[in-house]
């Protein structure tokens, strides 16, 4: 599900580039892809960071769920 969401965000970013052109490119250069405060020169690094953060959050949820079910 996480990969689908990131893929959808990438698709949406492409669509917004087509609709708004240079205005969107300027805005997206100032704001991170998925994590607003994380801005890199290369968008691929931002996508990888988003996947890593989402994976960590998913792992925390799963581990917490297992701990709760054990008690």
C-alpha atoms as a PDB file:
ATOM      1  CA  UNK A   1       0.000   0.000   0.000  1.00  0.00           C
ATOM      2  CA  UNK A   2       2.871   2.319   0.842  1.00  0.00           C
ATOM      3  CA  UNK A   3       4.447   1.905  -2.592  1.00  0.00           C
ATOM      4  CA  UNK A   4       1.092   2.570  -4.249  1.00  0.00           C
ATOM      5  CA  UNK A   5       0.715   5.792  -2.273  1.00  0.00           C
ATOM      6  CA  UNK A   6       4.219   6.990  -3.186  1.00  0.00           C
ATOM      7  CA  UNK A   7       3.577   6.057  -6.825  1.00  0.00           C
ATOM      8  CA  UNK A   8       0.309   7.985  -6.770  1.00  0.00           C
ATOM      9  CA  UNK A   9       2.113  11.011  -5.322  1.00  0.00           C
ATOM     10  CA  UNK A  10       4.688  10.801  -8.130  1.00  0.00           C
ATOM     11  CA  UNK A  11       1.900  10.621 -10.703  1.00  0.00           C
ATOM     12  CA  UNK A  12       0.184  13.622  -9.117  1.00  0.00           C
ATOM     13  CA  UNK A  13       3.440  15.581  -9.150  1.00  0.00           C
ATOM     14  CA  UNK A  14       3.777  14.920 -12.883  1.00  0.00           C
ATOM     15  CA  UNK A  15       0.194  16.034 -13.447  1.00  0.00           C
ATOM     16  CA  UNK A  16       0.730  19.249 -11.459  1.00  0.00           C
ATOM     17  CA  UNK A  17       3.860  19.968 -13.484  1.00  0.00           C
ATOM     18  CA  UNK A  18       1.770  19.706 -16.635  1.00  0.00           C
ATOM     19  CA  UNK A  19      -0.984  21.941 -15.282  1.00  0.00           C
ATOM     20  CA  UNK A  20       1.066  24.648 -13.549  1.00  0.00           C
ATOM     21  CA  UNK A  21       4.430  24.388 -15.335  1.00  0.00           C
ATOM     22  CA  UNK A  22       7.215  26.569 -13.962  1.00  0.00           C
ATOM     23  CA  UNK A  23       5.115  27.736 -11.009  1.00  0.00           C
ATOM     24  CA  UNK A  24       4.863  24.162  -9.762  1.00  0.00           C
ATOM     25  CA  UNK A  25       8.540  23.486 -10.433  1.00  0.00           C
ATOM     26  CA  UNK A  26       9.507  26.509  -8.323  1.00  0.00           C
ATOM     27  CA  UNK A  27       7.199  25.462  -5.499  1.00  0.00           C
ATOM     28  CA  UNK A  28       8.302  21.828  -5.517  1.00  0.00           C
ATOM     29  CA  UNK A  29      11.958  22.921  -5.383  1.00  0.00           C
ATOM     30  CA  UNK A  30      11.224  24.649  -2.053  1.00  0.00           C
ATOM     31  CA  UNK A  31       9.043  21.927  -0.510  1.00  0.00           C
ATOM     32  CA  UNK A  32       9.970  18.280  -0.046  1.00  0.00           C
ATOM     33  CA  UNK A  33       8.267  15.489  -1.960  1.00  0.00           C
ATOM     34  CA  UNK A  34       6.609  13.690   0.927  1.00  0.00           C
ATOM     35  CA  UNK A  35       8.234  15.184   4.004  1.00  0.00           C
ATOM     36  CA  UNK A  36       7.862  18.985   3.683  1.00  0.00           C
ATOM     37  CA  UNK A  37      11.003  19.868   5.644  1.00  0.00           C
ATOM     38  CA  UNK A  38      13.245  17.414   3.752  1.00  0.00           C
ATOM     39  CA  UNK A  39      14.380  19.099   0.550  1.00  0.00           C
ATOM     40  CA  UNK A  40      17.189  17.564  -1.538  1.00  0.00           C
ATOM     41  CA  UNK A  41      18.680  18.562  -4.868  1.00  0.00           C
ATOM     42  CA  UNK A  42      17.667  15.205  -6.301  1.00  0.00           C
ATOM     43  CA  UNK A  43      13.970  14.259  -6.073  1.00  0.00           C
ATOM     44  CA  UNK A  44      14.912  10.559  -6.079  1.00  0.00           C
ATOM     45  CA  UNK A  45      16.543  10.976  -2.658  1.00  0.00           C
ATOM     46  CA  UNK A  46      13.329  12.497  -1.327  1.00  0.00           C
ATOM     47  CA  UNK A  47      11.304   9.571  -2.689  1.00  0.00           C
ATOM     48  CA  UNK A  48      13.698   7.075  -1.092  1.00  0.00           C
ATOM     49  CA  UNK A  49      13.528   8.984   2.209  1.00  0.00           C
ATOM     50  CA  UNK A  50       9.724   8.910   2.076  1.00  0.00           C
ATOM     51  CA  UNK A  51       9.734   5.141   1.518  1.00  0.00           C
ATOM     52  CA  UNK A  52      12.187   4.633   4.401  1.00  0.00           C
ATOM     53  CA  UNK A  53      10.142   6.800   6.779  1.00  0.00           C
ATOM     54  CA  UNK A  54       6.857   5.140   5.806  1.00  0.00           C
ATOM     55  CA  UNK A  55       8.435   1.691   6.177  1.00  0.00           C
ATOM     56  CA  UNK A  56       9.653   2.617   9.655  1.00  0.00           C
ATOM     57  CA  UNK A  57       6.209   3.851  10.643  1.00  0.00           C
ATOM     58  CA  UNK A  58       4.599   0.679   9.320  1.00  0.00           C
ATOM     59  CA  UNK A  59       7.087  -1.452  11.265  1.00  0.00           C
ATOM     60  CA  UNK A  60       6.319   0.492  14.456  1.00  0.00           C
ATOM     61  CA  UNK A  61       2.592  -0.031  13.989  1.00  0.00           C
ATOM     62  CA  UNK A  62       3.044  -3.753  13.399  1.00  0.00           C
ATOM     63  CA  UNK A  63       5.372  -4.169  16.387  1.00  0.00           C
ATOM     64  CA  UNK A  64       3.064  -2.164  18.626  1.00  0.00           C
ATOM     65  CA  UNK A  65       0.121  -4.270  17.491  1.00  0.00           C
ATOM     66  CA  UNK A  66       1.984  -7.461  18.332  1.00  0.00           C
ATOM     67  CA  UNK A  67       2.919  -6.132  21.773  1.00  0.00           C
ATOM     68  CA  UNK A  68      -0.668  -5.143  22.506  1.00  0.00           C
ATOM     69  CA  UNK A  69      -2.017  -8.511  21.375  1.00  0.00           C
ATOM     70  CA  UNK A  70       0.482 -10.399  23.576  1.00  0.00           C
ATOM     71  CA  UNK A  71      -0.702  -8.715  26.764  1.00  0.00           C
END
